[in-house]
Amino acid sequence: INCFIMLVLALFTLLIPNQKIRLK
């Protein structure tokens, strides 16, 4: 469950264009 939630959140971070900010 935790990994699924984290996976969904990570997919949303793909909308952040700057790689360094996305990684942070």
PDBML (XML) file of the C-alpha atoms, coordinates in Angstrom:
<?xml version="1.0" encoding="UTF-8" ?>
<PDBx:datablock datablockName="MODEL"
   xmlns:PDBx="http://pdbml.pdb.org/schema/pdbx-v50.xsd"
   xmlns:xsi="http://www.w3.org/2001/XMLSchema-instance"
   xsi:schemaLocation="http://pdbml.pdb.org/schema/pdbx-v50.xsd pdbx-v50.xsd">
   <PDBx:atom_siteCategory>
      <PDBx:atom_site id="1">
         <PDBx:B_iso_or_equiv>0.00</PDBx:B_iso_or_equiv>
         <PDBx:Cartn_x>0.000</PDBx:Cartn_x>
         <PDBx:Cartn_y>0.000</PDBx:Cartn_y>
         <PDBx:Cartn_z>0.000</PDBx:Cartn_z>
         <PDBx:auth_asym_id>A</PDBx:auth_asym_id>
         <PDBx:auth_atom_id>CA</PDBx:auth_atom_id>
         <PDBx:auth_comp_id>ILE</PDBx:auth_comp_id>
         <PDBx:auth_seq_id>1</PDBx:auth_seq_id>
         <PDBx:group_PDB>ATOM</PDBx:group_PDB>
         <PDBx:label_alt_id xsi:nil="true" />
         <PDBx:label_asym_id>A</PDBx:label_asym_id>
         <PDBx:label_atom_id>CA</PDBx:label_atom_id>
         <PDBx:label_comp_id>ILE</PDBx:label_comp_id>
         <PDBx:label_entity_id>1</PDBx:label_entity_id>
         <PDBx:label_seq_id>1</PDBx:label_seq_id>
         <PDBx:occupancy>1.00</PDBx:occupancy>
         <PDBx:pdbx_PDB_model_num>1</PDBx:pdbx_PDB_model_num>
         <PDBx:type_symbol>C</PDBx:type_symbol>
      </PDBx:atom_site>
      <PDBx:atom_site id="2">
         <PDBx:B_iso_or_equiv>0.00</PDBx:B_iso_or_equiv>
         <PDBx:Cartn_x>2.805</PDBx:Cartn_x>
         <PDBx:Cartn_y>2.390</PDBx:Cartn_y>
         <PDBx:Cartn_z>0.913</PDBx:Cartn_z>
         <PDBx:auth_asym_id>A</PDBx:auth_asym_id>
         <PDBx:auth_atom_id>CA</PDBx:auth_atom_id>
         <PDBx:auth_comp_id>ASN</PDBx:auth_comp_id>
         <PDBx:auth_seq_id>2</PDBx:auth_seq_id>
         <PDBx:group_PDB>ATOM</PDBx:group_PDB>
         <PDBx:label_alt_id xsi:nil="true" />
         <PDBx:label_asym_id>A</PDBx:label_asym_id>
         <PDBx:label_atom_id>CA</PDBx:label_atom_id>
         <PDBx:label_comp_id>ASN</PDBx:label_comp_id>
         <PDBx:label_entity_id>1</PDBx:label_entity_id>
         <PDBx:label_seq_id>2</PDBx:label_seq_id>
         <PDBx:occupancy>1.00</PDBx:occupancy>
         <PDBx:pdbx_PDB_model_num>1</PDBx:pdbx_PDB_model_num>
         <PDBx:type_symbol>C</PDBx:type_symbol>
      </PDBx:atom_site>
      <PDBx:atom_site id="3">
         <PDBx:B_iso_or_equiv>0.00</PDBx:B_iso_or_equiv>
         <PDBx:Cartn_x>4.651</PDBx:Cartn_x>
         <PDBx:Cartn_y>1.763</PDBx:Cartn_y>
         <PDBx:Cartn_z>-2.365</PDBx:Cartn_z>
         <PDBx:auth_asym_id>A</PDBx:auth_asym_id>
         <PDBx:auth_atom_id>CA</PDBx:auth_atom_id>
         <PDBx:auth_comp_id>CYS</PDBx:auth_comp_id>
         <PDBx:auth_seq_id>3</PDBx:auth_seq_id>
         <PDBx:group_PDB>ATOM</PDBx:group_PDB>
         <PDBx:label_alt_id xsi:nil="true" />
         <PDBx:label_asym_id>A</PDBx:label_asym_id>
         <PDBx:label_atom_id>CA</PDBx:label_atom_id>
         <PDBx:label_comp_id>CYS</PDBx:label_comp_id>
         <PDBx:label_entity_id>1</PDBx:label_entity_id>
         <PDBx:label_seq_id>3</PDBx:label_seq_id>
         <PDBx:occupancy>1.00</PDBx:occupancy>
         <PDBx:pdbx_PDB_model_num>1</PDBx:pdbx_PDB_model_num>
         <PDBx:type_symbol>C</PDBx:type_symbol>
      </PDBx:atom_site>
      <PDBx:atom_site id="4">
         <PDBx:B_iso_or_equiv>0.00</PDBx:B_iso_or_equiv>
         <PDBx:Cartn_x>1.448</PDBx:Cartn_x>
         <PDBx:Cartn_y>2.228</PDBx:Cartn_y>
         <PDBx:Cartn_z>-4.355</PDBx:Cartn_z>
         <PDBx:auth_asym_id>A</PDBx:auth_asym_id>
         <PDBx:auth_atom_id>CA</PDBx:auth_atom_id>
         <PDBx:auth_comp_id>PHE</PDBx:auth_comp_id>
         <PDBx:auth_seq_id>4</PDBx:auth_seq_id>
         <PDBx:group_PDB>ATOM</PDBx:group_PDB>
         <PDBx:label_alt_id xsi:nil="true" />
         <PDBx:label_asym_id>A</PDBx:label_asym_id>
         <PDBx:label_atom_id>CA</PDBx:label_atom_id>
         <PDBx:label_comp_id>PHE</PDBx:label_comp_id>
         <PDBx:label_entity_id>1</PDBx:label_entity_id>
         <PDBx:label_seq_id>4</PDBx:label_seq_id>
         <PDBx:occupancy>1.00</PDBx:occupancy>
         <PDBx:pdbx_PDB_model_num>1</PDBx:pdbx_PDB_model_num>
         <PDBx:type_symbol>C</PDBx:type_symbol>
      </PDBx:atom_site>
      <PDBx:atom_site id="5">
         <PDBx:B_iso_or_equiv>0.00</PDBx:B_iso_or_equiv>
         <PDBx:Cartn_x>0.791</PDBx:Cartn_x>
         <PDBx:Cartn_y>5.607</PDBx:Cartn_y>
         <PDBx:Cartn_z>-2.715</PDBx:Cartn_z>
         <PDBx:auth_asym_id>A</PDBx:auth_asym_id>
         <PDBx:auth_atom_id>CA</PDBx:auth_atom_id>
         <PDBx:auth_comp_id>ILE</PDBx:auth_comp_id>
         <PDBx:auth_seq_id>5</PDBx:auth_seq_id>
         <PDBx:group_PDB>ATOM</PDBx:group_PDB>
         <PDBx:label_alt_id xsi:nil="true" />
         <PDBx:label_asym_id>A</PDBx:label_asym_id>
         <PDBx:label_atom_id>CA</PDBx:label_atom_id>
         <PDBx:label_comp_id>ILE</PDBx:label_comp_id>
         <PDBx:label_entity_id>1</PDBx:label_entity_id>
         <PDBx:label_seq_id>5</PDBx:label_seq_id>
         <PDBx:occupancy>1.00</PDBx:occupancy>
         <PDBx:pdbx_PDB_model_num>1</PDBx:pdbx_PDB_model_num>
         <PDBx:type_symbol>C</PDBx:type_symbol>
      </PDBx:atom_site>
      <PDBx:atom_site id="6">
         <PDBx:B_iso_or_equiv>0.00</PDBx:B_iso_or_equiv>
         <PDBx:Cartn_x>4.423</PDBx:Cartn_x>
         <PDBx:Cartn_y>6.643</PDBx:Cartn_y>
         <PDBx:Cartn_z>-3.219</PDBx:Cartn_z>
         <PDBx:auth_asym_id>A</PDBx:auth_asym_id>
         <PDBx:auth_atom_id>CA</PDBx:auth_atom_id>
         <PDBx:auth_comp_id>MET</PDBx:auth_comp_id>
         <PDBx:auth_seq_id>6</PDBx:auth_seq_id>
         <PDBx:group_PDB>ATOM</PDBx:group_PDB>
         <PDBx:label_alt_id xsi:nil="true" />
         <PDBx:label_asym_id>A</PDBx:label_asym_id>
         <PDBx:label_atom_id>CA</PDBx:label_atom_id>
         <PDBx:label_comp_id>MET</PDBx:label_comp_id>
         <PDBx:label_entity_id>1</PDBx:label_entity_id>
         <PDBx:label_seq_id>6</PDBx:label_seq_id>
         <PDBx:occupancy>1.00</PDBx:occupancy>
         <PDBx:pdbx_PDB_model_num>1</PDBx:pdbx_PDB_model_num>
         <PDBx:type_symbol>C</PDBx:type_symbol>
      </PDBx:atom_site>
      <PDBx:atom_site id="7">
         <PDBx:B_iso_or_equiv>0.00</PDBx:B_iso_or_equiv>
         <PDBx:Cartn_x>4.235</PDBx:Cartn_x>
         <PDBx:Cartn_y>5.502</PDBx:Cartn_y>
         <PDBx:Cartn_z>-6.836</PDBx:Cartn_z>
         <PDBx:auth_asym_id>A</PDBx:auth_asym_id>
         <PDBx:auth_atom_id>CA</PDBx:auth_atom_id>
         <PDBx:auth_comp_id>LEU</PDBx:auth_comp_id>
         <PDBx:auth_seq_id>7</PDBx:auth_seq_id>
         <PDBx:group_PDB>ATOM</PDBx:group_PDB>
         <PDBx:label_alt_id xsi:nil="true" />
         <PDBx:label_asym_id>A</PDBx:label_asym_id>
         <PDBx:label_atom_id>CA</PDBx:label_atom_id>
         <PDBx:label_comp_id>LEU</PDBx:label_comp_id>
         <PDBx:label_entity_id>1</PDBx:label_entity_id>
         <PDBx:label_seq_id>7</PDBx:label_seq_id>
         <PDBx:occupancy>1.00</PDBx:occupancy>
         <PDBx:pdbx_PDB_model_num>1</PDBx:pdbx_PDB_model_num>
         <PDBx:type_symbol>C</PDBx:type_symbol>
      </PDBx:atom_site>
      <PDBx:atom_site id="8">
         <PDBx:B_iso_or_equiv>0.00</PDBx:B_iso_or_equiv>
         <PDBx:Cartn_x>1.177</PDBx:Cartn_x>
         <PDBx:Cartn_y>7.693</PDBx:Cartn_y>
         <PDBx:Cartn_z>-7.488</PDBx:Cartn_z>
         <PDBx:auth_asym_id>A</PDBx:auth_asym_id>
         <PDBx:auth_atom_id>CA</PDBx:auth_atom_id>
         <PDBx:auth_comp_id>VAL</PDBx:auth_comp_id>
         <PDBx:auth_seq_id>8</PDBx:auth_seq_id>
         <PDBx:group_PDB>ATOM</PDBx:group_PDB>
         <PDBx:label_alt_id xsi:nil="true" />
         <PDBx:label_asym_id>A</PDBx:label_asym_id>
         <PDBx:label_atom_id>CA</PDBx:label_atom_id>
         <PDBx:label_comp_id>VAL</PDBx:label_comp_id>
         <PDBx:label_entity_id>1</PDBx:label_entity_id>
         <PDBx:label_seq_id>8</PDBx:label_seq_id>
         <PDBx:occupancy>1.00</PDBx:occupancy>
         <PDBx:pdbx_PDB_model_num>1</PDBx:pdbx_PDB_model_num>
         <PDBx:type_symbol>C</PDBx:type_symbol>
      </PDBx:atom_site>
      <PDBx:atom_site id="9">
         <PDBx:B_iso_or_equiv>0.00</PDBx:B_iso_or_equiv>
         <PDBx:Cartn_x>2.862</PDBx:Cartn_x>
         <PDBx:Cartn_y>10.680</PDBx:Cartn_y>
         <PDBx:Cartn_z>-5.833</PDBx:Cartn_z>
         <PDBx:auth_asym_id>A</PDBx:auth_asym_id>
         <PDBx:auth_atom_id>CA</PDBx:auth_atom_id>
         <PDBx:auth_comp_id>LEU</PDBx:auth_comp_id>
         <PDBx:auth_seq_id>9</PDBx:auth_seq_id>
         <PDBx:group_PDB>ATOM</PDBx:group_PDB>
         <PDBx:label_alt_id xsi:nil="true" />
         <PDBx:label_asym_id>A</PDBx:label_asym_id>
         <PDBx:label_atom_id>CA</PDBx:label_atom_id>
         <PDBx:label_comp_id>LEU</PDBx:label_comp_id>
         <PDBx:label_entity_id>1</PDBx:label_entity_id>
         <PDBx:label_seq_id>9</PDBx:label_seq_id>
         <PDBx:occupancy>1.00</PDBx:occupancy>
         <PDBx:pdbx_PDB_model_num>1</PDBx:pdbx_PDB_model_num>
         <PDBx:type_symbol>C</PDBx:type_symbol>
      </PDBx:atom_site>
      <PDBx:atom_site id="10">
         <PDBx:B_iso_or_equiv>0.00</PDBx:B_iso_or_equiv>
         <PDBx:Cartn_x>6.017</PDBx:Cartn_x>
         <PDBx:Cartn_y>10.111</PDBx:Cartn_y>
         <PDBx:Cartn_z>-7.898</PDBx:Cartn_z>
         <PDBx:auth_asym_id>A</PDBx:auth_asym_id>
         <PDBx:auth_atom_id>CA</PDBx:auth_atom_id>
         <PDBx:auth_comp_id>ALA</PDBx:auth_comp_id>
         <PDBx:auth_seq_id>10</PDBx:auth_seq_id>
         <PDBx:group_PDB>ATOM</PDBx:group_PDB>
         <PDBx:label_alt_id xsi:nil="true" />
         <PDBx:label_asym_id>A</PDBx:label_asym_id>
         <PDBx:label_atom_id>CA</PDBx:label_atom_id>
         <PDBx:label_comp_id>ALA</PDBx:label_comp_id>
         <PDBx:label_entity_id>1</PDBx:label_entity_id>
         <PDBx:label_seq_id>10</PDBx:label_seq_id>
         <PDBx:occupancy>1.00</PDBx:occupancy>
         <PDBx:pdbx_PDB_model_num>1</PDBx:pdbx_PDB_model_num>
         <PDBx:type_symbol>C</PDBx:type_symbol>
      </PDBx:atom_site>
      <PDBx:atom_site id="11">
         <PDBx:B_iso_or_equiv>0.00</PDBx:B_iso_or_equiv>
         <PDBx:Cartn_x>3.946</PDBx:Cartn_x>
         <PDBx:Cartn_y>10.138</PDBx:Cartn_y>
         <PDBx:Cartn_z>-11.084</PDBx:Cartn_z>
         <PDBx:auth_asym_id>A</PDBx:auth_asym_id>
         <PDBx:auth_atom_id>CA</PDBx:auth_atom_id>
         <PDBx:auth_comp_id>LEU</PDBx:auth_comp_id>
         <PDBx:auth_seq_id>11</PDBx:auth_seq_id>
         <PDBx:group_PDB>ATOM</PDBx:group_PDB>
         <PDBx:label_alt_id xsi:nil="true" />
         <PDBx:label_asym_id>A</PDBx:label_asym_id>
         <PDBx:label_atom_id>CA</PDBx:label_atom_id>
         <PDBx:label_comp_id>LEU</PDBx:label_comp_id>
         <PDBx:label_entity_id>1</PDBx:label_entity_id>
         <PDBx:label_seq_id>11</PDBx:label_seq_id>
         <PDBx:occupancy>1.00</PDBx:occupancy>
         <PDBx:pdbx_PDB_model_num>1</PDBx:pdbx_PDB_model_num>
         <PDBx:type_symbol>C</PDBx:type_symbol>
      </PDBx:atom_site>
      <PDBx:atom_site id="12">
         <PDBx:B_iso_or_equiv>0.00</PDBx:B_iso_or_equiv>
         <PDBx:Cartn_x>2.589</PDBx:Cartn_x>
         <PDBx:Cartn_y>13.564</PDBx:Cartn_y>
         <PDBx:Cartn_z>-10.112</PDBx:Cartn_z>
         <PDBx:auth_asym_id>A</PDBx:auth_asym_id>
         <PDBx:auth_atom_id>CA</PDBx:auth_atom_id>
         <PDBx:auth_comp_id>PHE</PDBx:auth_comp_id>
         <PDBx:auth_seq_id>12</PDBx:auth_seq_id>
         <PDBx:group_PDB>ATOM</PDBx:group_PDB>
         <PDBx:label_alt_id xsi:nil="true" />
         <PDBx:label_asym_id>A</PDBx:label_asym_id>
         <PDBx:label_atom_id>CA</PDBx:label_atom_id>
         <PDBx:label_comp_id>PHE</PDBx:label_comp_id>
         <PDBx:label_entity_id>1</PDBx:label_entity_id>
         <PDBx:label_seq_id>12</PDBx:label_seq_id>
         <PDBx:occupancy>1.00</PDBx:occupancy>
         <PDBx:pdbx_PDB_model_num>1</PDBx:pdbx_PDB_model_num>
         <PDBx:type_symbol>C</PDBx:type_symbol>
      </PDBx:atom_site>
      <PDBx:atom_site id="13">
         <PDBx:B_iso_or_equiv>0.00</PDBx:B_iso_or_equiv>
         <PDBx:Cartn_x>6.143</PDBx:Cartn_x>
         <PDBx:Cartn_y>14.866</PDBx:Cartn_y>
         <PDBx:Cartn_z>-9.660</PDBx:Cartn_z>
         <PDBx:auth_asym_id>A</PDBx:auth_asym_id>
         <PDBx:auth_atom_id>CA</PDBx:auth_atom_id>
         <PDBx:auth_comp_id>THR</PDBx:auth_comp_id>
         <PDBx:auth_seq_id>13</PDBx:auth_seq_id>
         <PDBx:group_PDB>ATOM</PDBx:group_PDB>
         <PDBx:label_alt_id xsi:nil="true" />
         <PDBx:label_asym_id>A</PDBx:label_asym_id>
         <PDBx:label_atom_id>CA</PDBx:label_atom_id>
         <PDBx:label_comp_id>THR</PDBx:label_comp_id>
         <PDBx:label_entity_id>1</PDBx:label_entity_id>
         <PDBx:label_seq_id>13</PDBx:label_seq_id>
         <PDBx:occupancy>1.00</PDBx:occupancy>
         <PDBx:pdbx_PDB_model_num>1</PDBx:pdbx_PDB_model_num>
         <PDBx:type_symbol>C</PDBx:type_symbol>
      </PDBx:atom_site>
      <PDBx:atom_site id="14">
         <PDBx:B_iso_or_equiv>0.00</PDBx:B_iso_or_equiv>
         <PDBx:Cartn_x>6.761</PDBx:Cartn_x>
         <PDBx:Cartn_y>14.169</PDBx:Cartn_y>
         <PDBx:Cartn_z>-13.361</PDBx:Cartn_z>
         <PDBx:auth_asym_id>A</PDBx:auth_asym_id>
         <PDBx:auth_atom_id>CA</PDBx:auth_atom_id>
         <PDBx:auth_comp_id>LEU</PDBx:auth_comp_id>
         <PDBx:auth_seq_id>14</PDBx:auth_seq_id>
         <PDBx:group_PDB>ATOM</PDBx:group_PDB>
         <PDBx:label_alt_id xsi:nil="true" />
         <PDBx:label_asym_id>A</PDBx:label_asym_id>
         <PDBx:label_atom_id>CA</PDBx:label_atom_id>
         <PDBx:label_comp_id>LEU</PDBx:label_comp_id>
         <PDBx:label_entity_id>1</PDBx:label_entity_id>
         <PDBx:label_seq_id>14</PDBx:label_seq_id>
         <PDBx:occupancy>1.00</PDBx:occupancy>
         <PDBx:pdbx_PDB_model_num>1</PDBx:pdbx_PDB_model_num>
         <PDBx:type_symbol>C</PDBx:type_symbol>
      </PDBx:atom_site>
      <PDBx:atom_site id="15">
         <PDBx:B_iso_or_equiv>0.00</PDBx:B_iso_or_equiv>
         <PDBx:Cartn_x>4.818</PDBx:Cartn_x>
         <PDBx:Cartn_y>17.385</PDBx:Cartn_y>
         <PDBx:Cartn_z>-13.952</PDBx:Cartn_z>
         <PDBx:auth_asym_id>A</PDBx:auth_asym_id>
         <PDBx:auth_atom_id>CA</PDBx:auth_atom_id>
         <PDBx:auth_comp_id>LEU</PDBx:auth_comp_id>
         <PDBx:auth_seq_id>15</PDBx:auth_seq_id>
         <PDBx:group_PDB>ATOM</PDBx:group_PDB>
         <PDBx:label_alt_id xsi:nil="true" />
         <PDBx:label_asym_id>A</PDBx:label_asym_id>
         <PDBx:label_atom_id>CA</PDBx:label_atom_id>
         <PDBx:label_comp_id>LEU</PDBx:label_comp_id>
         <PDBx:label_entity_id>1</PDBx:label_entity_id>
         <PDBx:label_seq_id>15</PDBx:label_seq_id>
         <PDBx:occupancy>1.00</PDBx:occupancy>
         <PDBx:pdbx_PDB_model_num>1</PDBx:pdbx_PDB_model_num>
         <PDBx:type_symbol>C</PDBx:type_symbol>
      </PDBx:atom_site>
      <PDBx:atom_site id="16">
         <PDBx:B_iso_or_equiv>0.00</PDBx:B_iso_or_equiv>
         <PDBx:Cartn_x>7.714</PDBx:Cartn_x>
         <PDBx:Cartn_y>19.340</PDBx:Cartn_y>
         <PDBx:Cartn_z>-12.397</PDBx:Cartn_z>
         <PDBx:auth_asym_id>A</PDBx:auth_asym_id>
         <PDBx:auth_atom_id>CA</PDBx:auth_atom_id>
         <PDBx:auth_comp_id>ILE</PDBx:auth_comp_id>
         <PDBx:auth_seq_id>16</PDBx:auth_seq_id>
         <PDBx:group_PDB>ATOM</PDBx:group_PDB>
         <PDBx:label_alt_id xsi:nil="true" />
         <PDBx:label_asym_id>A</PDBx:label_asym_id>
         <PDBx:label_atom_id>CA</PDBx:label_atom_id>
         <PDBx:label_comp_id>ILE</PDBx:label_comp_id>
         <PDBx:label_entity_id>1</PDBx:label_entity_id>
         <PDBx:label_seq_id>16</PDBx:label_seq_id>
         <PDBx:occupancy>1.00</PDBx:occupancy>
         <PDBx:pdbx_PDB_model_num>1</PDBx:pdbx_PDB_model_num>
         <PDBx:type_symbol>C</PDBx:type_symbol>
      </PDBx:atom_site>
      <PDBx:atom_site id="17">
         <PDBx:B_iso_or_equiv>0.00</PDBx:B_iso_or_equiv>
         <PDBx:Cartn_x>9.962</PDBx:Cartn_x>
         <PDBx:Cartn_y>20.393</PDBx:Cartn_y>
         <PDBx:Cartn_z>-15.308</PDBx:Cartn_z>
         <PDBx:auth_asym_id>A</PDBx:auth_asym_id>
         <PDBx:auth_atom_id>CA</PDBx:auth_atom_id>
         <PDBx:auth_comp_id>PRO</PDBx:auth_comp_id>
         <PDBx:auth_seq_id>17</PDBx:auth_seq_id>
         <PDBx:group_PDB>ATOM</PDBx:group_PDB>
         <PDBx:label_alt_id xsi:nil="true" />
         <PDBx:label_asym_id>A</PDBx:label_asym_id>
         <PDBx:label_atom_id>CA</PDBx:label_atom_id>
         <PDBx:label_comp_id>PRO</PDBx:label_comp_id>
         <PDBx:label_entity_id>1</PDBx:label_entity_id>
         <PDBx:label_seq_id>17</PDBx:label_seq_id>
         <PDBx:occupancy>1.00</PDBx:occupancy>
         <PDBx:pdbx_PDB_model_num>1</PDBx:pdbx_PDB_model_num>
         <PDBx:type_symbol>C</PDBx:type_symbol>
      </PDBx:atom_site>
      <PDBx:atom_site id="18">
         <PDBx:B_iso_or_equiv>0.00</PDBx:B_iso_or_equiv>
         <PDBx:Cartn_x>13.133</PDBx:Cartn_x>
         <PDBx:Cartn_y>21.096</PDBx:Cartn_y>
         <PDBx:Cartn_z>-13.312</PDBx:Cartn_z>
         <PDBx:auth_asym_id>A</PDBx:auth_asym_id>
         <PDBx:auth_atom_id>CA</PDBx:auth_atom_id>
         <PDBx:auth_comp_id>ASN</PDBx:auth_comp_id>
         <PDBx:auth_seq_id>18</PDBx:auth_seq_id>
         <PDBx:group_PDB>ATOM</PDBx:group_PDB>
         <PDBx:label_alt_id xsi:nil="true" />
         <PDBx:label_asym_id>A</PDBx:label_asym_id>
         <PDBx:label_atom_id>CA</PDBx:label_atom_id>
         <PDBx:label_comp_id>ASN</PDBx:label_comp_id>
         <PDBx:label_entity_id>1</PDBx:label_entity_id>
         <PDBx:label_seq_id>18</PDBx:label_seq_id>
         <PDBx:occupancy>1.00</PDBx:occupancy>
         <PDBx:pdbx_PDB_model_num>1</PDBx:pdbx_PDB_model_num>
         <PDBx:type_symbol>C</PDBx:type_symbol>
      </PDBx:atom_site>
      <PDBx:atom_site id="19">
         <PDBx:B_iso_or_equiv>0.00</PDBx:B_iso_or_equiv>
         <PDBx:Cartn_x>14.979</PDBx:Cartn_x>
         <PDBx:Cartn_y>17.841</PDBx:Cartn_y>
         <PDBx:Cartn_z>-12.573</PDBx:Cartn_z>
         <PDBx:auth_asym_id>A</PDBx:auth_asym_id>
         <PDBx:auth_atom_id>CA</PDBx:auth_atom_id>
         <PDBx:auth_comp_id>GLN</PDBx:auth_comp_id>
         <PDBx:auth_seq_id>19</PDBx:auth_seq_id>
         <PDBx:group_PDB>ATOM</PDBx:group_PDB>
         <PDBx:label_alt_id xsi:nil="true" />
         <PDBx:label_asym_id>A</PDBx:label_asym_id>
         <PDBx:label_atom_id>CA</PDBx:label_atom_id>
         <PDBx:label_comp_id>GLN</PDBx:label_comp_id>
         <PDBx:label_entity_id>1</PDBx:label_entity_id>
         <PDBx:label_seq_id>19</PDBx:label_seq_id>
         <PDBx:occupancy>1.00</PDBx:occupancy>
         <PDBx:pdbx_PDB_model_num>1</PDBx:pdbx_PDB_model_num>
         <PDBx:type_symbol>C</PDBx:type_symbol>
      </PDBx:atom_site>
      <PDBx:atom_site id="20">
         <PDBx:B_iso_or_equiv>0.00</PDBx:B_iso_or_equiv>
         <PDBx:Cartn_x>16.716</PDBx:Cartn_x>
         <PDBx:Cartn_y>19.058</PDBx:Cartn_y>
         <PDBx:Cartn_z>-9.396</PDBx:Cartn_z>
         <PDBx:auth_asym_id>A</PDBx:auth_asym_id>
         <PDBx:auth_atom_id>CA</PDBx:auth_atom_id>
         <PDBx:auth_comp_id>LYS</PDBx:auth_comp_id>
         <PDBx:auth_seq_id>20</PDBx:auth_seq_id>
         <PDBx:group_PDB>ATOM</PDBx:group_PDB>
         <PDBx:label_alt_id xsi:nil="true" />
         <PDBx:label_asym_id>A</PDBx:label_asym_id>
         <PDBx:label_atom_id>CA</PDBx:label_atom_id>
         <PDBx:label_comp_id>LYS</PDBx:label_comp_id>
         <PDBx:label_entity_id>1</PDBx:label_entity_id>
         <PDBx:label_seq_id>20</PDBx:label_seq_id>
         <PDBx:occupancy>1.00</PDBx:occupancy>
         <PDBx:pdbx_PDB_model_num>1</PDBx:pdbx_PDB_model_num>
         <PDBx:type_symbol>C</PDBx:type_symbol>
      </PDBx:atom_site>
      <PDBx:atom_site id="21">
         <PDBx:B_iso_or_equiv>0.00</PDBx:B_iso_or_equiv>
         <PDBx:Cartn_x>13.454</PDBx:Cartn_x>
         <PDBx:Cartn_y>20.341</PDBx:Cartn_y>
         <PDBx:Cartn_z>-7.878</PDBx:Cartn_z>
         <PDBx:auth_asym_id>A</PDBx:auth_asym_id>
         <PDBx:auth_atom_id>CA</PDBx:auth_atom_id>
         <PDBx:auth_comp_id>ILE</PDBx:auth_comp_id>
         <PDBx:auth_seq_id>21</PDBx:auth_seq_id>
         <PDBx:group_PDB>ATOM</PDBx:group_PDB>
         <PDBx:label_alt_id xsi:nil="true" />
         <PDBx:label_asym_id>A</PDBx:label_asym_id>
         <PDBx:label_atom_id>CA</PDBx:label_atom_id>
         <PDBx:label_comp_id>ILE</PDBx:label_comp_id>
         <PDBx:label_entity_id>1</PDBx:label_entity_id>
         <PDBx:label_seq_id>21</PDBx:label_seq_id>
         <PDBx:occupancy>1.00</PDBx:occupancy>
         <PDBx:pdbx_PDB_model_num>1</PDBx:pdbx_PDB_model_num>
         <PDBx:type_symbol>C</PDBx:type_symbol>
      </PDBx:atom_site>
      <PDBx:atom_site id="22">
         <PDBx:B_iso_or_equiv>0.00</PDBx:B_iso_or_equiv>
         <PDBx:Cartn_x>11.682</PDBx:Cartn_x>
         <PDBx:Cartn_y>17.115</PDBx:Cartn_y>
         <PDBx:Cartn_z>-8.907</PDBx:Cartn_z>
         <PDBx:auth_asym_id>A</PDBx:auth_asym_id>
         <PDBx:auth_atom_id>CA</PDBx:auth_atom_id>
         <PDBx:auth_comp_id>ARG</PDBx:auth_comp_id>
         <PDBx:auth_seq_id>22</PDBx:auth_seq_id>
         <PDBx:group_PDB>ATOM</PDBx:group_PDB>
         <PDBx:label_alt_id xsi:nil="true" />
         <PDBx:label_asym_id>A</PDBx:label_asym_id>
         <PDBx:label_atom_id>CA</PDBx:label_atom_id>
         <PDBx:label_comp_id>ARG</PDBx:label_comp_id>
         <PDBx:label_entity_id>1</PDBx:label_entity_id>
         <PDBx:label_seq_id>22</PDBx:label_seq_id>
         <PDBx:occupancy>1.00</PDBx:occupancy>
         <PDBx:pdbx_PDB_model_num>1</PDBx:pdbx_PDB_model_num>
         <PDBx:type_symbol>C</PDBx:type_symbol>
      </PDBx:atom_site>
      <PDBx:atom_site id="23">
         <PDBx:B_iso_or_equiv>0.00</PDBx:B_iso_or_equiv>
         <PDBx:Cartn_x>14.359</PDBx:Cartn_x>
         <PDBx:Cartn_y>15.019</PDBx:Cartn_y>
         <PDBx:Cartn_z>-7.194</PDBx:Cartn_z>
         <PDBx:auth_asym_id>A</PDBx:auth_asym_id>
         <PDBx:auth_atom_id>CA</PDBx:auth_atom_id>
         <PDBx:auth_comp_id>LEU</PDBx:auth_comp_id>
         <PDBx:auth_seq_id>23</PDBx:auth_seq_id>
         <PDBx:group_PDB>ATOM</PDBx:group_PDB>
         <PDBx:label_alt_id xsi:nil="true" />
         <PDBx:label_asym_id>A</PDBx:label_asym_id>
         <PDBx:label_atom_id>CA</PDBx:label_atom_id>
         <PDBx:label_comp_id>LEU</PDBx:label_comp_id>
         <PDBx:label_entity_id>1</PDBx:label_entity_id>
         <PDBx:label_seq_id>23</PDBx:label_seq_id>
         <PDBx:occupancy>1.00</PDBx:occupancy>
         <PDBx:pdbx_PDB_model_num>1</PDBx:pdbx_PDB_model_num>
         <PDBx:type_symbol>C</PDBx:type_symbol>
      </PDBx:atom_site>
      <PDBx:atom_site id="24">
         <PDBx:B_iso_or_equiv>0.00</PDBx:B_iso_or_equiv>
         <PDBx:Cartn_x>14.177</PDBx:Cartn_x>
         <PDBx:Cartn_y>17.140</PDBx:Cartn_y>
         <PDBx:Cartn_z>-4.034</PDBx:Cartn_z>
         <PDBx:auth_asym_id>A</PDBx:auth_asym_id>
         <PDBx:auth_atom_id>CA</PDBx:auth_atom_id>
         <PDBx:auth_comp_id>LYS</PDBx:auth_comp_id>
         <PDBx:auth_seq_id>24</PDBx:auth_seq_id>
         <PDBx:group_PDB>ATOM</PDBx:group_PDB>
         <PDBx:label_alt_id xsi:nil="true" />
         <PDBx:label_asym_id>A</PDBx:label_asym_id>
         <PDBx:label_atom_id>CA</PDBx:label_atom_id>
         <PDBx:label_comp_id>LYS</PDBx:label_comp_id>
         <PDBx:label_entity_id>1</PDBx:label_entity_id>
         <PDBx:label_seq_id>24</PDBx:label_seq_id>
         <PDBx:occupancy>1.00</PDBx:occupancy>
         <PDBx:pdbx_PDB_model_num>1</PDBx:pdbx_PDB_model_num>
         <PDBx:type_symbol>C</PDBx:type_symbol>
      </PDBx:atom_site>
   </PDBx:atom_siteCategory>
</PDBx:datablock>
